[in-house]
Amino acid sequence: MRIFEPHVHMSFRTTDDYQAMEAAGVSVVLEPSSWLGQPRMHVGSFEDHFASLLGWERYRASQFGISHLCALALNPREANNGRVAQGVVELLPRYLPKEGVVAVGMVGFEDLSTDEEHYFVRQIELARVNELPLLVHTPLRDKKRATERSLAILREHRFPEEWVLIEDASEETLPLVLATRCWAGCLLGASTGMGEERVASAIRRHGPNRILVSSAADWSASDPLQVPKLADRMRAQGLAEDVVQMLLWGNPIAFFAQSGKLDPVEHGEAALLGQRGGHAGTLVRAPSPQIR
C-alpha cells in the first residue's frame, strides 16, 4: 500500500529516515513549518526555514522517491514572541502561493493568550485569501478548552469547516471535532500523541471518516515509521484493508487536494500539479530557485 504521512518534520530527520520510510510504503509527506526548540530572534530565520522547505527539503525527499509538501505559518508558540510575530505574518503572503504549499499551519493556541488569538485570526484570513486548508494546533494543557475556542473562532469568521484540520485530537476532543465538518488529526508520537493502540481504538469507535493520523516526528525522541506501524496494528486488530487504505492514503489526499495543488486523480492519486519529470517515476522536480 501507499502511505501519505500528513505531519512529519523531515527537516530534523536523517536521510536514513527517508530511506526507511520509502521502504515502508511512505510516498508523500507533509511538513508543517515548526518551532525550532527555542525562540527565534529574527524574522529572517523564518524566511530561511520557509525557503528550505520549498527547495532543499523537497529535493532531498525526491532522492528517495518521496513527494514533499509543506504548510507554512507563524506557529502558536511563537505568536507570543513580539520580536518576530508581526513580521512573519507580513512575510507569509509572499510564500503561501508557491508550488508545494498546500495549507496554512500550524496555527491556533499553545497558552490561550490574546496574542495567539490575534495571530490565529490573521492567519485564518490568509488561508481564506489564498484558498488553502488550515492546520490548527491544540495544546497538551487545556486541550478541550483550546479546541472549543478554536472551533468557535472558525465559526465566528465563517471559515469553511471542511477546510480545517484540528490537530492533536484526544479521546476527549475527537468527538467535538467530528461533530462539526472539520477534519481531526490524531498524532501517534509517544511524547505528545495518543500512540498506536489508542488511535486504533479511536478508529474502531468512530470510523475513519475525516480522520488523519501522523507521527509528527521531529527533533525529539520520535519515530517517523509510526504510521506504517499503525497500519500493521490495525490489520492485526481486524480492521478491513479498505479502512486502513482510506485512513493512511485516501483521507490525506482528499483533505490536501482542496488546496488545488494536489491532483487526486492523476498518477495514482498522488500527482502534484505543475511538476514535470521526476525521480524514480514520481512527479517530484528538482529544487526551486531561492524565493525573493
C-alpha atoms as a PDB file:
ATOM      1  CA  MET A   1       0.000   0.000   0.000  1.00  0.00           C
ATOM      2  CA  ARG A   2       0.965   3.663  -0.373  1.00  0.00           C
ATOM      3  CA  ILE A   3       1.093   5.928   2.658  1.00  0.00           C
ATOM      4  CA  PHE A   4       0.696   9.700   2.936  1.00  0.00           C
ATOM      5  CA  GLU A   5       2.315  10.937   6.183  1.00  0.00           C
ATOM      6  CA  PRO A   6       0.424  14.214   6.816  1.00  0.00           C
ATOM      7  CA  HIS A   7       2.501  15.693   9.665  1.00  0.00           C
ATOM      8  CA  VAL A   8       6.196  14.998   9.990  1.00  0.00           C
ATOM      9  CA  HIS A   9       9.161  17.357  10.418  1.00  0.00           C
ATOM     10  CA  MET A  10      11.649  15.870   7.986  1.00  0.00           C
ATOM     11  CA  SER A  11      13.981  18.871   8.238  1.00  0.00           C
ATOM     12  CA  PHE A  12      15.028  17.439  11.612  1.00  0.00           C
ATOM     13  CA  ARG A  13      15.358  13.835  10.362  1.00  0.00           C
ATOM     14  CA  THR A  14      18.229  11.996   8.699  1.00  0.00           C
ATOM     15  CA  THR A  15      18.449  10.620   5.180  1.00  0.00           C
ATOM     16  CA  ASP A  16      18.283   7.150   6.756  1.00  0.00           C
ATOM     17  CA  ASP A  17      14.762   8.058   7.899  1.00  0.00           C
ATOM     18  CA  TYR A  18      13.737   8.903   4.340  1.00  0.00           C
ATOM     19  CA  GLN A  19      15.155   5.607   3.148  1.00  0.00           C
ATOM     20  CA  ALA A  20      13.317   3.624   5.841  1.00  0.00           C
ATOM     21  CA  MET A  21      10.040   5.476   5.216  1.00  0.00           C
ATOM     22  CA  GLU A  22      10.179   4.780   1.480  1.00  0.00           C
ATOM     23  CA  ALA A  23      10.825   1.089   2.161  1.00  0.00           C
ATOM     24  CA  ALA A  24       7.792   1.043   4.490  1.00  0.00           C
ATOM     25  CA  GLY A  25       5.479   2.442   1.798  1.00  0.00           C
ATOM     26  CA  VAL A  26       5.527   6.194   2.512  1.00  0.00           C
ATOM     27  CA  SER A  27       5.384   8.065  -0.797  1.00  0.00           C
ATOM     28  CA  VAL A  28       4.105  11.522   0.243  1.00  0.00           C
ATOM     29  CA  VAL A  29       4.951  13.602   3.329  1.00  0.00           C
ATOM     30  CA  LEU A  30       3.541  16.903   4.574  1.00  0.00           C
ATOM     31  CA  GLU A  31       5.832  19.050   6.712  1.00  0.00           C
ATOM     32  CA  PRO A  32       4.331  21.974   8.644  1.00  0.00           C
ATOM     33  CA  SER A  33       6.692  24.806   9.451  1.00  0.00           C
ATOM     34  CA  SER A  34       7.778  24.402  13.037  1.00  0.00           C
ATOM     35  CA  TRP A  35       9.237  25.707  16.259  1.00  0.00           C
ATOM     36  CA  LEU A  36      12.976  25.055  16.489  1.00  0.00           C
ATOM     37  CA  GLY A  37      13.079  24.231  20.208  1.00  0.00           C
ATOM     38  CA  GLN A  38      13.976  27.746  21.307  1.00  0.00           C
ATOM     39  CA  PRO A  39      12.619  31.189  20.380  1.00  0.00           C
ATOM     40  CA  ARG A  40      13.740  32.631  17.072  1.00  0.00           C
ATOM     41  CA  MET A  41      15.450  36.000  17.326  1.00  0.00           C
ATOM     42  CA  HIS A  42      14.851  37.285  13.778  1.00  0.00           C
ATOM     43  CA  VAL A  43      12.127  37.183  11.131  1.00  0.00           C
ATOM     44  CA  GLY A  44      14.835  36.187   8.664  1.00  0.00           C
ATOM     45  CA  SER A  45      15.202  32.804  10.339  1.00  0.00           C
ATOM     46  CA  PHE A  46      11.582  32.076   9.371  1.00  0.00           C
ATOM     47  CA  GLU A  47      12.317  33.115   5.802  1.00  0.00           C
ATOM     48  CA  ASP A  48      15.273  30.734   5.645  1.00  0.00           C
ATOM     49  CA  HIS A  49      13.091  27.947   7.089  1.00  0.00           C
ATOM     50  CA  PHE A  50      10.308  28.546   4.552  1.00  0.00           C
ATOM     51  CA  ALA A  51      12.773  28.639   1.645  1.00  0.00           C
ATOM     52  CA  SER A  52      14.377  25.390   2.813  1.00  0.00           C
ATOM     53  CA  LEU A  53      11.005  23.623   2.922  1.00  0.00           C
ATOM     54  CA  LEU A  54      10.210  24.796  -0.601  1.00  0.00           C
ATOM     55  CA  GLY A  55      13.604  23.997  -2.065  1.00  0.00           C
ATOM     56  CA  TRP A  56      16.164  21.794  -0.390  1.00  0.00           C
ATOM     57  CA  GLU A  57      13.816  19.561   1.582  1.00  0.00           C
ATOM     58  CA  ARG A  58      11.680  18.794  -1.458  1.00  0.00           C
ATOM     59  CA  TYR A  59      14.803  17.856  -3.376  1.00  0.00           C
ATOM     60  CA  ARG A  60      16.181  15.736  -0.515  1.00  0.00           C
ATOM     61  CA  ALA A  61      12.904  13.791  -0.286  1.00  0.00           C
ATOM     62  CA  SER A  62      12.873  13.235  -4.038  1.00  0.00           C
ATOM     63  CA  GLN A  63      16.163  11.325  -3.822  1.00  0.00           C
ATOM     64  CA  PHE A  64      14.172   8.590  -2.079  1.00  0.00           C
ATOM     65  CA  GLY A  65      11.112   8.728  -4.337  1.00  0.00           C
ATOM     66  CA  ILE A  66       9.056  10.685  -1.790  1.00  0.00           C
ATOM     67  CA  SER A  67       6.963  13.757  -2.634  1.00  0.00           C
ATOM     68  CA  HIS A  68       7.452  16.508  -0.038  1.00  0.00           C
ATOM     69  CA  LEU A  69       4.675  19.059   0.569  1.00  0.00           C
ATOM     70  CA  CYS A  70       4.553  21.743   3.229  1.00  0.00           C
ATOM     71  CA  ALA A  71       2.317  24.046   5.255  1.00  0.00           C
ATOM     72  CA  LEU A  72       3.582  27.469   6.313  1.00  0.00           C
ATOM     73  CA  ALA A  73       2.559  29.687   9.236  1.00  0.00           C
ATOM     74  CA  LEU A  74       3.574  31.541  12.356  1.00  0.00           C
ATOM     75  CA  ASN A  75       3.274  28.726  14.901  1.00  0.00           C
ATOM     76  CA  PRO A  76       1.204  29.263  18.080  1.00  0.00           C
ATOM     77  CA  ARG A  77       4.179  29.175  20.435  1.00  0.00           C
ATOM     78  CA  GLU A  78       5.919  31.997  18.589  1.00  0.00           C
ATOM     79  CA  ALA A  79       2.734  34.032  18.227  1.00  0.00           C
ATOM     80  CA  ASN A  80       3.679  35.245  21.723  1.00  0.00           C
ATOM     81  CA  ASN A  81       7.106  36.420  20.504  1.00  0.00           C
ATOM     82  CA  GLY A  82       6.725  40.140  19.853  1.00  0.00           C
ATOM     83  CA  ARG A  83      10.180  40.228  18.279  1.00  0.00           C
ATOM     84  CA  VAL A  84       9.049  38.260  15.209  1.00  0.00           C
ATOM     85  CA  ALA A  85       5.286  37.635  15.118  1.00  0.00           C
ATOM     86  CA  GLN A  86       4.106  40.637  13.103  1.00  0.00           C
ATOM     87  CA  GLY A  87       6.964  40.352  10.629  1.00  0.00           C
ATOM     88  CA  VAL A  88       6.287  36.674   9.948  1.00  0.00           C
ATOM     89  CA  VAL A  89       2.608  37.308   9.219  1.00  0.00           C
ATOM     90  CA  GLU A  90       3.648  40.068   6.816  1.00  0.00           C
ATOM     91  CA  LEU A  91       6.113  37.646   5.170  1.00  0.00           C
ATOM     92  CA  LEU A  92       3.640  34.804   4.580  1.00  0.00           C
ATOM     93  CA  PRO A  93       1.759  36.281   1.574  1.00  0.00           C
ATOM     94  CA  ARG A  94       4.991  36.010  -0.431  1.00  0.00           C
ATOM     95  CA  TYR A  95       5.259  32.272   0.257  1.00  0.00           C
ATOM     96  CA  LEU A  96       1.744  30.840   0.506  1.00  0.00           C
ATOM     97  CA  PRO A  97       1.038  30.946  -3.268  1.00  0.00           C
ATOM     98  CA  LYS A  98       4.151  28.895  -4.030  1.00  0.00           C
ATOM     99  CA  GLU A  99       4.024  25.428  -5.534  1.00  0.00           C
ATOM    100  CA  GLY A 100       4.172  22.743  -2.850  1.00  0.00           C
ATOM    101  CA  VAL A 101       2.465  24.859  -0.160  1.00  0.00           C
ATOM    102  CA  VAL A 102      -0.837  23.036   0.344  1.00  0.00           C
ATOM    103  CA  ALA A 103      -2.014  24.503   3.680  1.00  0.00           C
ATOM    104  CA  VAL A 104      -1.546  27.251   6.264  1.00  0.00           C
ATOM    105  CA  GLY A 105      -0.243  25.761   9.508  1.00  0.00           C
ATOM    106  CA  MET A 106       0.273  25.188  12.232  1.00  0.00           C
ATOM    107  CA  VAL A 107      -1.887  27.929  13.767  1.00  0.00           C
ATOM    108  CA  GLY A 108      -4.028  28.054  16.905  1.00  0.00           C
ATOM    109  CA  PHE A 109      -3.286  28.018  20.613  1.00  0.00           C
ATOM    110  CA  GLU A 110      -0.486  26.988  22.968  1.00  0.00           C
ATOM    111  CA  ASP A 111      -1.235  29.092  26.078  1.00  0.00           C
ATOM    112  CA  LEU A 112      -4.652  30.512  25.068  1.00  0.00           C
ATOM    113  CA  SER A 113      -3.171  34.021  25.075  1.00  0.00           C
ATOM    114  CA  THR A 114      -4.643  37.100  23.427  1.00  0.00           C
ATOM    115  CA  ASP A 115      -1.636  37.318  21.092  1.00  0.00           C
ATOM    116  CA  GLU A 116      -2.202  33.728  19.965  1.00  0.00           C
ATOM    117  CA  GLU A 117      -5.849  34.501  19.206  1.00  0.00           C
ATOM    118  CA  HIS A 118      -4.903  37.670  17.310  1.00  0.00           C
ATOM    119  CA  TYR A 119      -2.496  35.841  15.012  1.00  0.00           C
ATOM    120  CA  PHE A 120      -4.829  32.860  14.691  1.00  0.00           C
ATOM    121  CA  VAL A 121      -7.448  35.201  13.228  1.00  0.00           C
ATOM    122  CA  ARG A 122      -4.866  36.920  10.977  1.00  0.00           C
ATOM    123  CA  GLN A 123      -3.831  33.552   9.541  1.00  0.00           C
ATOM    124  CA  ILE A 124      -7.423  32.392   9.062  1.00  0.00           C
ATOM    125  CA  GLU A 125      -7.746  35.347   6.710  1.00  0.00           C
ATOM    126  CA  LEU A 126      -4.503  34.448   4.921  1.00  0.00           C
ATOM    127  CA  ALA A 127      -5.841  30.921   4.377  1.00  0.00           C
ATOM    128  CA  ARG A 128      -9.086  32.358   3.018  1.00  0.00           C
ATOM    129  CA  VAL A 129      -7.345  34.770   0.623  1.00  0.00           C
ATOM    130  CA  ASN A 130      -5.021  32.053  -0.662  1.00  0.00           C
ATOM    131  CA  GLU A 131      -7.784  29.401  -0.751  1.00  0.00           C
ATOM    132  CA  LEU A 132      -5.753  26.976   1.350  1.00  0.00           C
ATOM    133  CA  PRO A 133      -6.751  24.482   4.051  1.00  0.00           C
ATOM    134  CA  LEU A 134      -5.901  25.357   7.644  1.00  0.00           C
ATOM    135  CA  LEU A 135      -3.996  23.197  10.162  1.00  0.00           C
ATOM    136  CA  VAL A 136      -4.976  24.049  13.748  1.00  0.00           C
ATOM    137  CA  HIS A 137      -2.801  23.004  16.687  1.00  0.00           C
ATOM    138  CA  THR A 138      -4.302  22.157  20.088  1.00  0.00           C
ATOM    139  CA  PRO A 139      -2.025  22.077  23.170  1.00  0.00           C
ATOM    140  CA  LEU A 140      -1.450  19.404  25.789  1.00  0.00           C
ATOM    141  CA  ARG A 141      -2.717  21.711  28.541  1.00  0.00           C
ATOM    142  CA  ASP A 142      -6.344  22.877  28.379  1.00  0.00           C
ATOM    143  CA  LYS A 143      -6.841  20.849  25.201  1.00  0.00           C
ATOM    144  CA  LYS A 144     -10.642  20.763  25.428  1.00  0.00           C
ATOM    145  CA  ARG A 145     -10.925  24.499  26.098  1.00  0.00           C
ATOM    146  CA  ALA A 146      -8.471  25.300  23.289  1.00  0.00           C
ATOM    147  CA  THR A 147     -10.387  23.031  20.904  1.00  0.00           C
ATOM    148  CA  GLU A 148     -13.721  24.611  21.806  1.00  0.00           C
ATOM    149  CA  ARG A 149     -12.299  28.133  21.431  1.00  0.00           C
ATOM    150  CA  SER A 150     -10.682  27.258  18.087  1.00  0.00           C
ATOM    151  CA  LEU A 151     -13.954  25.889  16.717  1.00  0.00           C
ATOM    152  CA  ALA A 152     -15.803  28.973  17.952  1.00  0.00           C
ATOM    153  CA  ILE A 153     -13.323  31.342  16.265  1.00  0.00           C
ATOM    154  CA  LEU A 154     -13.608  29.440  12.987  1.00  0.00           C
ATOM    155  CA  ARG A 155     -17.400  29.743  13.142  1.00  0.00           C
ATOM    156  CA  GLU A 156     -17.213  33.448  14.045  1.00  0.00           C
ATOM    157  CA  HIS A 157     -15.058  34.106  10.991  1.00  0.00           C
ATOM    158  CA  ARG A 158     -17.076  31.785   8.753  1.00  0.00           C
ATOM    159  CA  PHE A 159     -14.088  29.812   7.549  1.00  0.00           C
ATOM    160  CA  PRO A 160     -15.199  26.612   5.735  1.00  0.00           C
ATOM    161  CA  GLU A 161     -15.017  23.842   8.338  1.00  0.00           C
ATOM    162  CA  GLU A 162     -14.301  21.185   5.711  1.00  0.00           C
ATOM    163  CA  TRP A 163     -11.043  23.050   5.021  1.00  0.00           C
ATOM    164  CA  VAL A 164      -9.883  22.723   8.642  1.00  0.00           C
ATOM    165  CA  LEU A 165      -7.780  20.007  10.268  1.00  0.00           C
ATOM    166  CA  ILE A 166      -7.879  20.189  14.077  1.00  0.00           C
ATOM    167  CA  GLU A 167      -4.620  18.516  15.102  1.00  0.00           C
ATOM    168  CA  ASP A 168      -3.521  16.718  18.274  1.00  0.00           C
ATOM    169  CA  ALA A 169      -7.024  15.370  18.927  1.00  0.00           C
ATOM    170  CA  SER A 170      -7.522  13.197  22.016  1.00  0.00           C
ATOM    171  CA  GLU A 171     -10.266  10.782  23.033  1.00  0.00           C
ATOM    172  CA  GLU A 172     -11.958  13.755  24.724  1.00  0.00           C
ATOM    173  CA  THR A 173     -11.745  16.211  21.834  1.00  0.00           C
ATOM    174  CA  LEU A 174     -12.156  13.870  18.856  1.00  0.00           C
ATOM    175  CA  PRO A 175     -15.980  13.762  19.225  1.00  0.00           C
ATOM    176  CA  LEU A 176     -16.085  17.576  19.449  1.00  0.00           C
ATOM    177  CA  VAL A 177     -14.260  17.876  16.128  1.00  0.00           C
ATOM    178  CA  LEU A 178     -16.195  15.140  14.341  1.00  0.00           C
ATOM    179  CA  ALA A 179     -19.483  16.765  15.403  1.00  0.00           C
ATOM    180  CA  THR A 180     -18.541  19.609  13.012  1.00  0.00           C
ATOM    181  CA  ARG A 181     -17.487  19.372   9.355  1.00  0.00           C
ATOM    182  CA  CYS A 182     -13.819  19.786  10.365  1.00  0.00           C
ATOM    183  CA  TRP A 183     -11.268  17.013   9.985  1.00  0.00           C
ATOM    184  CA  ALA A 184      -9.467  15.560  13.019  1.00  0.00           C
ATOM    185  CA  GLY A 185      -5.751  14.820  13.248  1.00  0.00           C
ATOM    186  CA  CYS A 186      -4.519  12.108  15.612  1.00  0.00           C
ATOM    187  CA  LEU A 187      -0.820  12.140  16.482  1.00  0.00           C
ATOM    188  CA  LEU A 188       0.968   8.885  17.248  1.00  0.00           C
ATOM    189  CA  GLY A 189       4.122  10.363  18.814  1.00  0.00           C
ATOM    190  CA  ALA A 190       4.935   8.835  22.200  1.00  0.00           C
ATOM    191  CA  SER A 191       5.679  12.143  23.937  1.00  0.00           C
ATOM    192  CA  THR A 192       2.641  14.146  22.813  1.00  0.00           C
ATOM    193  CA  GLY A 193       0.327  11.862  20.881  1.00  0.00           C
ATOM    194  CA  MET A 194      -2.116   9.066  21.548  1.00  0.00           C
ATOM    195  CA  GLY A 195       0.065   6.151  20.456  1.00  0.00           C
ATOM    196  CA  GLU A 196      -0.803   3.273  18.134  1.00  0.00           C
ATOM    197  CA  GLU A 197      -3.169   1.372  20.455  1.00  0.00           C
ATOM    198  CA  ARG A 198      -5.274   4.411  21.418  1.00  0.00           C
ATOM    199  CA  VAL A 199      -5.509   5.653  17.819  1.00  0.00           C
ATOM    200  CA  ALA A 200      -6.535   2.188  16.596  1.00  0.00           C
ATOM    201  CA  SER A 201      -9.201   2.059  19.314  1.00  0.00           C
ATOM    202  CA  ALA A 202     -10.457   5.515  18.304  1.00  0.00           C
ATOM    203  CA  ILE A 203     -10.767   4.392  14.680  1.00  0.00           C
ATOM    204  CA  ARG A 204     -12.741   1.329  15.732  1.00  0.00           C
ATOM    205  CA  ARG A 205     -15.048   3.555  17.785  1.00  0.00           C
ATOM    206  CA  HIS A 206     -15.549   6.463  15.366  1.00  0.00           C
ATOM    207  CA  GLY A 207     -14.668   5.023  11.967  1.00  0.00           C
ATOM    208  CA  PRO A 208     -12.122   6.506   9.545  1.00  0.00           C
ATOM    209  CA  ASN A 209     -14.161   9.361   8.071  1.00  0.00           C
ATOM    210  CA  ARG A 210     -12.465  12.801   8.285  1.00  0.00           C
ATOM    211  CA  ILE A 211      -9.567  11.479  10.388  1.00  0.00           C
ATOM    212  CA  LEU A 212      -5.865  11.805   9.554  1.00  0.00           C
ATOM    213  CA  VAL A 213      -3.102  10.086  11.500  1.00  0.00           C
ATOM    214  CA  SER A 214       0.558  11.082  11.661  1.00  0.00           C
ATOM    215  CA  SER A 215       3.780  10.512  13.567  1.00  0.00           C
ATOM    216  CA  ALA A 216       4.589  14.240  13.993  1.00  0.00           C
ATOM    217  CA  ALA A 217       8.207  13.034  14.239  1.00  0.00           C
ATOM    218  CA  ASP A 218      10.648  15.902  14.787  1.00  0.00           C
ATOM    219  CA  TRP A 219      13.914  16.669  16.647  1.00  0.00           C
ATOM    220  CA  SER A 220      12.642  14.980  19.824  1.00  0.00           C
ATOM    221  CA  ALA A 221      12.682  11.249  20.608  1.00  0.00           C
ATOM    222  CA  SER A 222      10.198  10.181  17.938  1.00  0.00           C
ATOM    223  CA  ASP A 223       9.600   7.552  15.271  1.00  0.00           C
ATOM    224  CA  PRO A 224       8.939   8.507  11.618  1.00  0.00           C
ATOM    225  CA  LEU A 225       7.744   4.930  10.951  1.00  0.00           C
ATOM    226  CA  GLN A 226       4.785   5.070  13.327  1.00  0.00           C
ATOM    227  CA  VAL A 227       2.206   5.447  10.549  1.00  0.00           C
ATOM    228  CA  PRO A 228       3.300   2.223   8.776  1.00  0.00           C
ATOM    229  CA  LYS A 229       3.393   0.522  12.186  1.00  0.00           C
ATOM    230  CA  LEU A 230      -0.159   1.708  12.837  1.00  0.00           C
ATOM    231  CA  ALA A 231      -1.228   0.061   9.580  1.00  0.00           C
ATOM    232  CA  ASP A 232       0.150  -3.263  10.844  1.00  0.00           C
ATOM    233  CA  ARG A 233      -1.536  -2.768  14.231  1.00  0.00           C
ATOM    234  CA  MET A 234      -4.925  -2.046  12.654  1.00  0.00           C
ATOM    235  CA  ARG A 235      -4.709  -5.095  10.405  1.00  0.00           C
ATOM    236  CA  ALA A 236      -3.766  -7.273  13.389  1.00  0.00           C
ATOM    237  CA  GLN A 237      -6.866  -5.976  15.180  1.00  0.00           C
ATOM    238  CA  GLY A 238      -9.102  -6.965  12.280  1.00  0.00           C
ATOM    239  CA  LEU A 239      -9.728  -3.613  10.620  1.00  0.00           C
ATOM    240  CA  ALA A 240     -10.517  -4.064   6.935  1.00  0.00           C
ATOM    241  CA  GLU A 241      -7.854  -3.196   4.366  1.00  0.00           C
ATOM    242  CA  ASP A 242     -10.065  -0.586   2.731  1.00  0.00           C
ATOM    243  CA  VAL A 243     -10.363   1.194   6.099  1.00  0.00           C
ATOM    244  CA  VAL A 244      -6.577   1.180   6.508  1.00  0.00           C
ATOM    245  CA  GLN A 245      -6.107   2.456   2.964  1.00  0.00           C
ATOM    246  CA  MET A 246      -8.705   5.194   3.432  1.00  0.00           C
ATOM    247  CA  LEU A 247      -7.124   6.387   6.672  1.00  0.00           C
ATOM    248  CA  LEU A 248      -3.499   6.406   5.524  1.00  0.00           C
ATOM    249  CA  TRP A 249      -3.908   7.431   1.891  1.00  0.00           C
ATOM    250  CA  GLY A 250      -7.397   8.425   0.792  1.00  0.00           C
ATOM    251  CA  ASN A 251      -8.127  10.851   3.627  1.00  0.00           C
ATOM    252  CA  PRO A 252      -4.946  12.977   3.427  1.00  0.00           C
ATOM    253  CA  ILE A 253      -5.201  13.073  -0.376  1.00  0.00           C
ATOM    254  CA  ALA A 254      -8.812  14.259  -0.125  1.00  0.00           C
ATOM    255  CA  PHE A 255      -8.065  16.894   2.509  1.00  0.00           C
ATOM    256  CA  PHE A 256      -4.991  18.461   0.906  1.00  0.00           C
ATOM    257  CA  ALA A 257      -6.440  18.248  -2.629  1.00  0.00           C
ATOM    258  CA  GLN A 258      -8.690  21.108  -1.510  1.00  0.00           C
ATOM    259  CA  SER A 259      -5.640  23.347  -1.952  1.00  0.00           C
ATOM    260  CA  GLY A 260      -5.878  22.955  -5.730  1.00  0.00           C
ATOM    261  CA  LYS A 261      -2.193  21.961  -5.733  1.00  0.00           C
ATOM    262  CA  LEU A 262      -2.688  18.217  -5.352  1.00  0.00           C
ATOM    263  CA  ASP A 263      -4.438  16.250  -8.101  1.00  0.00           C
ATOM    264  CA  PRO A 264      -6.456  13.372  -6.529  1.00  0.00           C
ATOM    265  CA  VAL A 265      -6.890  11.508  -9.840  1.00  0.00           C
ATOM    266  CA  GLU A 266      -3.754  11.773 -11.942  1.00  0.00           C
ATOM    267  CA  HIS A 267      -0.782   9.444 -11.377  1.00  0.00           C
ATOM    268  CA  GLY A 268      -2.335   7.024  -8.933  1.00  0.00           C
ATOM    269  CA  GLU A 269      -3.998   9.843  -6.929  1.00  0.00           C
ATOM    270  CA  ALA A 270      -0.725  11.487  -5.878  1.00  0.00           C
ATOM    271  CA  ALA A 271       0.441  13.783  -8.665  1.00  0.00           C
ATOM    272  CA  LEU A 272       1.460  17.302  -7.744  1.00  0.00           C
ATOM    273  CA  LEU A 273       0.087  19.869 -10.154  1.00  0.00           C
ATOM    274  CA  GLY A 274       2.577  21.681 -12.342  1.00  0.00           C
ATOM    275  CA  GLN A 275       5.527  19.351 -11.749  1.00  0.00           C
ATOM    276  CA  ARG A 276       7.415  17.745 -14.613  1.00  0.00           C
ATOM    277  CA  GLY A 277       9.672  14.745 -14.902  1.00  0.00           C
ATOM    278  CA  GLY A 278      10.983  13.473 -11.618  1.00  0.00           C
ATOM    279  CA  HIS A 279      12.776  10.870  -9.619  1.00  0.00           C
ATOM    280  CA  ALA A 280      12.147   7.119  -9.939  1.00  0.00           C
ATOM    281  CA  GLY A 281       8.772   7.501 -11.611  1.00  0.00           C
ATOM    282  CA  THR A 282       7.449  10.161  -9.232  1.00  0.00           C
ATOM    283  CA  LEU A 283       6.496  13.687 -10.238  1.00  0.00           C
ATOM    284  CA  VAL A 284       8.936  15.425  -7.897  1.00  0.00           C
ATOM    285  CA  ARG A 285      11.092  18.036  -9.580  1.00  0.00           C
ATOM    286  CA  ALA A 286      14.479  19.498  -8.683  1.00  0.00           C
ATOM    287  CA  PRO A 287      14.612  22.204  -6.015  1.00  0.00           C
ATOM    288  CA  SER A 288      13.045  25.569  -6.810  1.00  0.00           C
ATOM    289  CA  PRO A 289      15.311  28.626  -7.070  1.00  0.00           C
ATOM    290  CA  GLN A 290      15.677  30.797  -3.983  1.00  0.00           C
ATOM    291  CA  ILE A 291      12.455  32.732  -3.422  1.00  0.00           C
ATOM    292  CA  ARG A 292      12.693  36.516  -3.228  1.00  0.00           C
END
